[in-house]
Amino acid sequence: MSQDLMAMLEQAFEESTKLYQERGFQRRVGFGKKPALVSVDLANAWTRPGNPFTCDQEKMDNEIIPGMQRLLKAFRAANLPVIHVTTAYEITDRNAPFTDMGLWHNKIPVDVVDLADKELWAIDSRIAPVEGEYTLLKKRASSFHGTELAGILRANGVDTILVTGVTACACVRQTICDGIADGFRPIAVKECIGDRVPGAVAWNLFDIDAKFGDVESVDRCVDYIETIGHSQS
C-alpha cells in the first residue's frame, strides 16, 4: 500500500474514531473462556499466484502464513478446536438450469473454483490441517451462512472465535458479522487477514473493531491461547 493511501486512511481513522467514541462505539467484546480458530479461505486459489482470487502475495507470504503457523502451533499445543474454511462449487456453468452458486456468479468469478479441481480449494500446504482438525466447505461469503459451523462450535463449548484469512472486505468480514450475531466473541487477528485491494484490510479492520469484534495482534492472541492451555493442564 502506498504511503499516500496509508496517510489518507490514517486521517480518516482519526476523524472516524472521534465520531465513534462520542457515540459509544469501539467497545470491547473481549476474549472468552474457550476459543476456536476459524481460518477463512486460506486455500491455494487465494494464497498462491495465478488465480483471479489471488490475494496480496507479499502480505500472504510474509505476514499471513507465518502468523497462521504461530497460531496453529499454539492451538494444537493447547488442544483447542481448529476449523479450516474453503470455498468451491460443483456446478460451475453459469448457464446451467440449476447451480450451487446462487446468484453470486453474477458478481464474481466463482466459476474458477471448481470442486473437481481439489488443488484449487485445498488448504495451503504451509498451514495444512492435521488429524483432528476440520475442513469446512462453504458456498457463500460467510463461514456461518448455510453451514454447520455454529453447531460445531456450540457442541464443543466454544464462546470465542479467532478469525483469520481472506478477504477482509468479504468472507472474513461476513464471518465476523455472523459470528457475533450468533453469540460468539469474534477476534480478528490483525496480521493474519488479507485482501486483493490496497487499503481494504486497514479500512475493514478499523470498522470491524468499531462495531463487530476486537482486532488483536498475533502476539496477544498467542498469549491468550497459551494461558487457556496452561489452565487446562
C-alpha atoms as a PDB file:
ATOM      1  CA  MET A   1       0.000   0.000   0.000  1.00  0.00           C
ATOM      2  CA  SER A   2       1.354   3.415  -0.964  1.00  0.00           C
ATOM      3  CA  GLN A   3       2.325   5.934   1.700  1.00  0.00           C
ATOM      4  CA  ASP A   4      -0.176   8.439   0.272  1.00  0.00           C
ATOM      5  CA  LEU A   5      -3.033   5.956   0.604  1.00  0.00           C
ATOM      6  CA  MET A   6      -1.990   4.990   4.119  1.00  0.00           C
ATOM      7  CA  ALA A   7      -1.809   8.660   5.124  1.00  0.00           C
ATOM      8  CA  MET A   8      -5.334   9.241   3.807  1.00  0.00           C
ATOM      9  CA  LEU A   9      -6.629   6.203   5.682  1.00  0.00           C
ATOM     10  CA  GLU A  10      -4.963   7.248   8.930  1.00  0.00           C
ATOM     11  CA  GLN A  11      -6.575  10.680   8.652  1.00  0.00           C
ATOM     12  CA  ALA A  12      -9.957   9.039   8.031  1.00  0.00           C
ATOM     13  CA  PHE A  13      -9.435   6.699  11.006  1.00  0.00           C
ATOM     14  CA  GLU A  14      -8.548   9.596  13.290  1.00  0.00           C
ATOM     15  CA  GLU A  15     -11.664  11.538  12.342  1.00  0.00           C
ATOM     16  CA  SER A  16     -13.900   8.458  12.473  1.00  0.00           C
ATOM     17  CA  THR A  17     -12.545   7.455  15.895  1.00  0.00           C
ATOM     18  CA  LYS A  18     -13.667  10.772  17.346  1.00  0.00           C
ATOM     19  CA  LEU A  19     -17.169  10.258  15.956  1.00  0.00           C
ATOM     20  CA  TYR A  20     -17.389   6.627  17.068  1.00  0.00           C
ATOM     21  CA  GLN A  21     -16.188   7.323  20.592  1.00  0.00           C
ATOM     22  CA  GLU A  22     -18.526  10.280  21.003  1.00  0.00           C
ATOM     23  CA  ARG A  23     -21.423   7.990  20.073  1.00  0.00           C
ATOM     24  CA  GLY A  24     -20.459   4.961  22.182  1.00  0.00           C
ATOM     25  CA  PHE A  25     -18.860   2.702  19.579  1.00  0.00           C
ATOM     26  CA  GLN A  26     -15.463   0.910  19.750  1.00  0.00           C
ATOM     27  CA  ARG A  27     -16.429  -1.062  22.869  1.00  0.00           C
ATOM     28  CA  ARG A  28     -14.651  -4.356  23.647  1.00  0.00           C
ATOM     29  CA  VAL A  29     -16.201  -7.793  23.261  1.00  0.00           C
ATOM     30  CA  GLY A  30     -13.154  -9.421  24.883  1.00  0.00           C
ATOM     31  CA  PHE A  31     -11.786 -12.954  24.978  1.00  0.00           C
ATOM     32  CA  GLY A  32     -13.972 -15.714  26.366  1.00  0.00           C
ATOM     33  CA  LYS A  33     -13.214 -18.990  28.112  1.00  0.00           C
ATOM     34  CA  LYS A  34     -12.811 -21.321  25.126  1.00  0.00           C
ATOM     35  CA  PRO A  35     -11.623 -20.212  21.669  1.00  0.00           C
ATOM     36  CA  ALA A  36     -11.613 -21.844  18.270  1.00  0.00           C
ATOM     37  CA  LEU A  37      -9.547 -20.802  15.276  1.00  0.00           C
ATOM     38  CA  VAL A  38     -11.653 -20.143  12.165  1.00  0.00           C
ATOM     39  CA  SER A  39      -9.349 -19.777   9.162  1.00  0.00           C
ATOM     40  CA  VAL A  40     -11.256 -18.434   6.148  1.00  0.00           C
ATOM     41  CA  ASP A  41     -10.295 -19.314   2.562  1.00  0.00           C
ATOM     42  CA  LEU A  42      -6.570 -19.744   3.059  1.00  0.00           C
ATOM     43  CA  ALA A  43      -6.676 -22.221   0.197  1.00  0.00           C
ATOM     44  CA  ASN A  44      -4.461 -22.273  -2.881  1.00  0.00           C
ATOM     45  CA  ALA A  45      -6.819 -20.257  -5.109  1.00  0.00           C
ATOM     46  CA  TRP A  46      -6.378 -17.348  -2.668  1.00  0.00           C
ATOM     47  CA  THR A  47      -2.887 -17.887  -1.250  1.00  0.00           C
ATOM     48  CA  ARG A  48      -0.942 -18.810  -4.391  1.00  0.00           C
ATOM     49  CA  PRO A  49      -0.352 -16.696  -7.529  1.00  0.00           C
ATOM     50  CA  GLY A  50      -2.189 -17.132 -10.826  1.00  0.00           C
ATOM     51  CA  ASN A  51      -5.869 -17.214  -9.833  1.00  0.00           C
ATOM     52  CA  PRO A  52      -8.462 -14.425 -10.104  1.00  0.00           C
ATOM     53  CA  PHE A  53      -8.935 -14.799  -6.343  1.00  0.00           C
ATOM     54  CA  THR A  54      -5.206 -14.462  -5.551  1.00  0.00           C
ATOM     55  CA  CYS A  55      -4.538 -12.017  -2.714  1.00  0.00           C
ATOM     56  CA  ASP A  56      -1.580  -9.728  -1.965  1.00  0.00           C
ATOM     57  CA  GLN A  57       1.347 -12.148  -2.198  1.00  0.00           C
ATOM     58  CA  GLU A  58       3.809 -10.104  -0.160  1.00  0.00           C
ATOM     59  CA  LYS A  59       1.465  -9.941   2.824  1.00  0.00           C
ATOM     60  CA  MET A  60       0.433 -13.564   2.316  1.00  0.00           C
ATOM     61  CA  ASP A  61       3.976 -14.924   2.334  1.00  0.00           C
ATOM     62  CA  ASN A  62       5.499 -12.575   4.900  1.00  0.00           C
ATOM     63  CA  GLU A  63       2.679 -11.994   7.403  1.00  0.00           C
ATOM     64  CA  ILE A  64      -0.412 -14.169   6.999  1.00  0.00           C
ATOM     65  CA  ILE A  65       1.208 -17.591   6.582  1.00  0.00           C
ATOM     66  CA  PRO A  66       3.874 -17.070   9.301  1.00  0.00           C
ATOM     67  CA  GLY A  67       1.211 -15.672  11.643  1.00  0.00           C
ATOM     68  CA  MET A  68      -1.056 -18.635  10.939  1.00  0.00           C
ATOM     69  CA  GLN A  69       1.794 -21.034  11.647  1.00  0.00           C
ATOM     70  CA  ARG A  70       2.254 -19.435  15.078  1.00  0.00           C
ATOM     71  CA  LEU A  71      -1.474 -19.596  15.820  1.00  0.00           C
ATOM     72  CA  LEU A  72      -1.748 -23.209  14.697  1.00  0.00           C
ATOM     73  CA  LYS A  73       1.193 -24.215  16.857  1.00  0.00           C
ATOM     74  CA  ALA A  74      -0.433 -22.584  19.892  1.00  0.00           C
ATOM     75  CA  PHE A  75      -3.900 -24.029  19.224  1.00  0.00           C
ATOM     76  CA  ARG A  76      -2.518 -27.515  18.667  1.00  0.00           C
ATOM     77  CA  ALA A  77      -0.409 -27.386  21.827  1.00  0.00           C
ATOM     78  CA  ALA A  78      -3.482 -26.335  23.819  1.00  0.00           C
ATOM     79  CA  ASN A  79      -5.693 -28.963  22.117  1.00  0.00           C
ATOM     80  CA  LEU A  80      -8.220 -26.311  21.033  1.00  0.00           C
ATOM     81  CA  PRO A  81     -10.555 -26.538  18.004  1.00  0.00           C
ATOM     82  CA  VAL A  82      -9.322 -25.501  14.555  1.00  0.00           C
ATOM     83  CA  ILE A  83     -11.665 -25.090  11.583  1.00  0.00           C
ATOM     84  CA  HIS A  84     -10.211 -24.535   8.123  1.00  0.00           C
ATOM     85  CA  VAL A  85     -12.783 -22.994   5.766  1.00  0.00           C
ATOM     86  CA  THR A  86     -12.641 -23.140   1.980  1.00  0.00           C
ATOM     87  CA  THR A  87     -14.962 -22.452  -0.957  1.00  0.00           C
ATOM     88  CA  ALA A  88     -15.736 -24.445  -4.123  1.00  0.00           C
ATOM     89  CA  TYR A  89     -18.638 -25.135  -6.470  1.00  0.00           C
ATOM     90  CA  GLU A  90     -19.819 -28.354  -8.080  1.00  0.00           C
ATOM     91  CA  ILE A  91     -21.821 -26.747 -10.891  1.00  0.00           C
ATOM     92  CA  THR A  92     -19.675 -24.039 -12.474  1.00  0.00           C
ATOM     93  CA  ASP A  93     -21.646 -23.447 -15.679  1.00  0.00           C
ATOM     94  CA  ARG A  94     -23.291 -20.052 -15.241  1.00  0.00           C
ATOM     95  CA  ASN A  95     -25.984 -21.032 -17.767  1.00  0.00           C
ATOM     96  CA  ALA A  96     -26.921 -24.282 -16.041  1.00  0.00           C
ATOM     97  CA  PRO A  97     -30.625 -24.506 -15.067  1.00  0.00           C
ATOM     98  CA  PHE A  98     -29.584 -25.403 -11.512  1.00  0.00           C
ATOM     99  CA  THR A  99     -26.459 -24.241  -9.707  1.00  0.00           C
ATOM    100  CA  ASP A 100     -24.902 -24.304  -6.237  1.00  0.00           C
ATOM    101  CA  MET A 101     -23.526 -20.814  -6.871  1.00  0.00           C
ATOM    102  CA  GLY A 102     -26.786 -18.994  -6.196  1.00  0.00           C
ATOM    103  CA  LEU A 103     -26.531 -15.604  -7.898  1.00  0.00           C
ATOM    104  CA  TRP A 104     -23.021 -14.804  -6.670  1.00  0.00           C
ATOM    105  CA  HIS A 105     -21.529 -15.750 -10.033  1.00  0.00           C
ATOM    106  CA  ASN A 106     -23.195 -12.633 -11.461  1.00  0.00           C
ATOM    107  CA  LYS A 107     -20.758 -10.551  -9.407  1.00  0.00           C
ATOM    108  CA  ILE A 108     -17.520 -12.509  -9.021  1.00  0.00           C
ATOM    109  CA  PRO A 109     -15.717 -15.332 -10.894  1.00  0.00           C
ATOM    110  CA  VAL A 110     -16.794 -18.175  -8.607  1.00  0.00           C
ATOM    111  CA  ASP A 111     -16.705 -20.480 -11.639  1.00  0.00           C
ATOM    112  CA  VAL A 112     -12.892 -20.640 -11.369  1.00  0.00           C
ATOM    113  CA  VAL A 113     -13.107 -22.511  -8.043  1.00  0.00           C
ATOM    114  CA  ASP A 114     -14.256 -25.882  -9.346  1.00  0.00           C
ATOM    115  CA  LEU A 115     -14.896 -28.616  -6.784  1.00  0.00           C
ATOM    116  CA  ALA A 116     -13.455 -31.119  -9.262  1.00  0.00           C
ATOM    117  CA  ASP A 117     -10.031 -29.441  -9.036  1.00  0.00           C
ATOM    118  CA  LYS A 118      -9.134 -30.162  -5.430  1.00  0.00           C
ATOM    119  CA  GLU A 119      -5.790 -28.380  -5.708  1.00  0.00           C
ATOM    120  CA  LEU A 120      -7.613 -25.047  -6.103  1.00  0.00           C
ATOM    121  CA  TRP A 121      -9.634 -25.280  -2.905  1.00  0.00           C
ATOM    122  CA  ALA A 122      -7.187 -27.336  -0.838  1.00  0.00           C
ATOM    123  CA  ILE A 123      -5.828 -25.510   2.209  1.00  0.00           C
ATOM    124  CA  ASP A 124      -2.329 -24.124   1.577  1.00  0.00           C
ATOM    125  CA  SER A 125       0.218 -26.845   2.392  1.00  0.00           C
ATOM    126  CA  ARG A 126       2.176 -24.433   4.621  1.00  0.00           C
ATOM    127  CA  ILE A 127      -0.765 -24.395   7.047  1.00  0.00           C
ATOM    128  CA  ALA A 128      -2.360 -27.723   6.127  1.00  0.00           C
ATOM    129  CA  PRO A 129      -4.864 -29.330   8.505  1.00  0.00           C
ATOM    130  CA  VAL A 130      -3.636 -32.115  10.768  1.00  0.00           C
ATOM    131  CA  GLU A 131      -5.580 -35.012  12.227  1.00  0.00           C
ATOM    132  CA  GLY A 132      -8.364 -33.789  14.479  1.00  0.00           C
ATOM    133  CA  GLU A 133      -8.940 -30.507  12.618  1.00  0.00           C
ATOM    134  CA  TYR A 134     -11.998 -29.884  10.464  1.00  0.00           C
ATOM    135  CA  THR A 135     -12.189 -28.551   6.897  1.00  0.00           C
ATOM    136  CA  LEU A 136     -15.487 -26.847   6.159  1.00  0.00           C
ATOM    137  CA  LEU A 137     -16.708 -26.230   2.596  1.00  0.00           C
ATOM    138  CA  LYS A 138     -18.850 -23.126   2.172  1.00  0.00           C
ATOM    139  CA  LYS A 139     -20.737 -21.663  -0.785  1.00  0.00           C
ATOM    140  CA  ARG A 140     -21.298 -18.108   0.403  1.00  0.00           C
ATOM    141  CA  ALA A 141     -19.145 -15.327   1.810  1.00  0.00           C
ATOM    142  CA  SER A 142     -19.870 -16.066   5.466  1.00  0.00           C
ATOM    143  CA  SER A 143     -18.478 -19.220   7.027  1.00  0.00           C
ATOM    144  CA  PHE A 144     -21.717 -19.426   9.017  1.00  0.00           C
ATOM    145  CA  HIS A 145     -24.300 -18.936   6.249  1.00  0.00           C
ATOM    146  CA  GLY A 146     -25.840 -22.304   5.364  1.00  0.00           C
ATOM    147  CA  THR A 147     -23.094 -24.298   7.084  1.00  0.00           C
ATOM    148  CA  GLU A 148     -22.675 -26.434  10.181  1.00  0.00           C
ATOM    149  CA  LEU A 149     -20.125 -24.066  11.765  1.00  0.00           C
ATOM    150  CA  ALA A 150     -22.257 -22.638  14.596  1.00  0.00           C
ATOM    151  CA  GLY A 151     -23.432 -26.110  15.619  1.00  0.00           C
ATOM    152  CA  ILE A 152     -19.892 -27.478  15.677  1.00  0.00           C
ATOM    153  CA  LEU A 153     -18.664 -24.573  17.792  1.00  0.00           C
ATOM    154  CA  ARG A 154     -21.520 -24.827  20.288  1.00  0.00           C
ATOM    155  CA  ALA A 155     -21.150 -28.603  20.583  1.00  0.00           C
ATOM    156  CA  ASN A 156     -17.518 -28.040  21.561  1.00  0.00           C
ATOM    157  CA  GLY A 157     -18.308 -25.349  24.120  1.00  0.00           C
ATOM    158  CA  VAL A 158     -16.671 -22.561  22.110  1.00  0.00           C
ATOM    159  CA  ASP A 159     -17.513 -18.967  23.005  1.00  0.00           C
ATOM    160  CA  THR A 160     -14.723 -17.119  21.158  1.00  0.00           C
ATOM    161  CA  ILE A 161     -13.627 -17.297  17.509  1.00  0.00           C
ATOM    162  CA  LEU A 162     -10.228 -16.108  16.375  1.00  0.00           C
ATOM    163  CA  VAL A 163     -10.828 -15.292  12.710  1.00  0.00           C
ATOM    164  CA  THR A 164      -8.090 -15.213  10.089  1.00  0.00           C
ATOM    165  CA  GLY A 165      -7.956 -15.388   6.306  1.00  0.00           C
ATOM    166  CA  VAL A 166      -9.195 -13.584   3.211  1.00  0.00           C
ATOM    167  CA  THR A 167     -10.720 -11.382   2.154  1.00  0.00           C
ATOM    168  CA  ALA A 168     -11.057  -8.613   4.709  1.00  0.00           C
ATOM    169  CA  CYS A 169     -13.849  -6.919   2.786  1.00  0.00           C
ATOM    170  CA  ALA A 170     -15.945 -10.030   2.124  1.00  0.00           C
ATOM    171  CA  CYS A 171     -15.590 -13.530   3.595  1.00  0.00           C
ATOM    172  CA  VAL A 172     -13.668 -12.553   6.738  1.00  0.00           C
ATOM    173  CA  ARG A 173     -15.926  -9.596   7.451  1.00  0.00           C
ATOM    174  CA  GLN A 174     -19.123 -11.579   6.835  1.00  0.00           C
ATOM    175  CA  THR A 175     -17.889 -14.399   9.063  1.00  0.00           C
ATOM    176  CA  ILE A 176     -17.180 -11.961  11.886  1.00  0.00           C
ATOM    177  CA  CYS A 177     -20.550 -10.213  11.490  1.00  0.00           C
ATOM    178  CA  ASP A 178     -22.427 -13.514  11.536  1.00  0.00           C
ATOM    179  CA  GLY A 179     -20.250 -14.777  14.380  1.00  0.00           C
ATOM    180  CA  ILE A 180     -21.236 -12.013  16.772  1.00  0.00           C
ATOM    181  CA  ALA A 181     -24.860 -12.285  15.612  1.00  0.00           C
ATOM    182  CA  ASP A 182     -24.792 -15.982  16.546  1.00  0.00           C
ATOM    183  CA  GLY A 183     -23.446 -15.252  20.038  1.00  0.00           C
ATOM    184  CA  PHE A 184     -19.701 -15.807  19.625  1.00  0.00           C
ATOM    185  CA  ARG A 185     -16.953 -13.349  20.583  1.00  0.00           C
ATOM    186  CA  PRO A 186     -15.132 -12.532  17.315  1.00  0.00           C
ATOM    187  CA  ILE A 187     -11.434 -11.665  17.449  1.00  0.00           C
ATOM    188  CA  ALA A 188      -9.903 -10.559  14.135  1.00  0.00           C
ATOM    189  CA  VAL A 189      -6.210 -11.468  14.112  1.00  0.00           C
ATOM    190  CA  LYS A 190      -4.611  -8.384  12.599  1.00  0.00           C
ATOM    191  CA  GLU A 191      -1.558  -9.814  10.816  1.00  0.00           C
ATOM    192  CA  CYS A 192      -3.432 -12.857   9.507  1.00  0.00           C
ATOM    193  CA  ILE A 193      -6.101 -11.116   7.416  1.00  0.00           C
ATOM    194  CA  GLY A 194      -5.560 -10.119   3.791  1.00  0.00           C
ATOM    195  CA  ASP A 195      -7.221  -8.912   0.617  1.00  0.00           C
ATOM    196  CA  ARG A 196      -6.572  -8.170  -3.043  1.00  0.00           C
ATOM    197  CA  VAL A 197      -7.270  -4.438  -2.878  1.00  0.00           C
ATOM    198  CA  PRO A 198      -4.848  -1.901  -1.316  1.00  0.00           C
ATOM    199  CA  GLY A 199      -6.349  -0.329   1.770  1.00  0.00           C
ATOM    200  CA  ALA A 200      -9.158  -2.880   2.129  1.00  0.00           C
ATOM    201  CA  VAL A 201      -7.549  -4.648   5.079  1.00  0.00           C
ATOM    202  CA  ALA A 202      -6.819  -1.478   7.032  1.00  0.00           C
ATOM    203  CA  TRP A 203     -10.273   0.001   6.482  1.00  0.00           C
ATOM    204  CA  ASN A 204     -12.230  -3.160   7.229  1.00  0.00           C
ATOM    205  CA  LEU A 205     -10.236  -3.974  10.362  1.00  0.00           C
ATOM    206  CA  PHE A 206     -10.809  -0.443  11.630  1.00  0.00           C
ATOM    207  CA  ASP A 207     -14.545  -0.723  11.005  1.00  0.00           C
ATOM    208  CA  ILE A 208     -14.814  -4.259  12.406  1.00  0.00           C
ATOM    209  CA  ASP A 209     -13.036  -3.134  15.574  1.00  0.00           C
ATOM    210  CA  ALA A 210     -15.563  -0.323  15.949  1.00  0.00           C
ATOM    211  CA  LYS A 211     -18.713  -2.404  15.524  1.00  0.00           C
ATOM    212  CA  PHE A 212     -18.415  -6.194  15.241  1.00  0.00           C
ATOM    213  CA  GLY A 213     -15.378  -7.647  17.020  1.00  0.00           C
ATOM    214  CA  ASP A 214     -11.981  -6.894  18.531  1.00  0.00           C
ATOM    215  CA  VAL A 215      -8.861  -6.613  16.398  1.00  0.00           C
ATOM    216  CA  GLU A 216      -5.898  -8.144  18.209  1.00  0.00           C
ATOM    217  CA  SER A 217      -2.300  -8.939  17.260  1.00  0.00           C
ATOM    218  CA  VAL A 218      -0.880 -12.419  16.776  1.00  0.00           C
ATOM    219  CA  ASP A 219       1.257 -11.894  19.887  1.00  0.00           C
ATOM    220  CA  ARG A 220      -1.788 -11.036  22.009  1.00  0.00           C
ATOM    221  CA  CYS A 221      -3.747 -13.994  20.648  1.00  0.00           C
ATOM    222  CA  VAL A 222      -0.923 -16.463  21.212  1.00  0.00           C
ATOM    223  CA  ASP A 223      -0.539 -15.247  24.807  1.00  0.00           C
ATOM    224  CA  TYR A 224      -4.283 -15.769  25.333  1.00  0.00           C
ATOM    225  CA  ILE A 225      -4.224 -19.281  23.829  1.00  0.00           C
ATOM    226  CA  GLU A 226      -1.217 -20.278  25.926  1.00  0.00           C
ATOM    227  CA  THR A 227      -2.991 -19.013  29.043  1.00  0.00           C
ATOM    228  CA  ILE A 228      -6.019 -21.164  28.167  1.00  0.00           C
ATOM    229  CA  GLY A 229      -3.726 -24.136  27.569  1.00  0.00           C
ATOM    230  CA  HIS A 230      -1.999 -23.739  30.922  1.00  0.00           C
ATOM    231  CA  SER A 231      -5.328 -23.509  32.752  1.00  0.00           C
ATOM    232  CA  GLN A 232      -6.373 -26.842  31.206  1.00  0.00           C
ATOM    233  CA  SER A 233      -3.175 -28.694  32.100  1.00  0.00           C
END
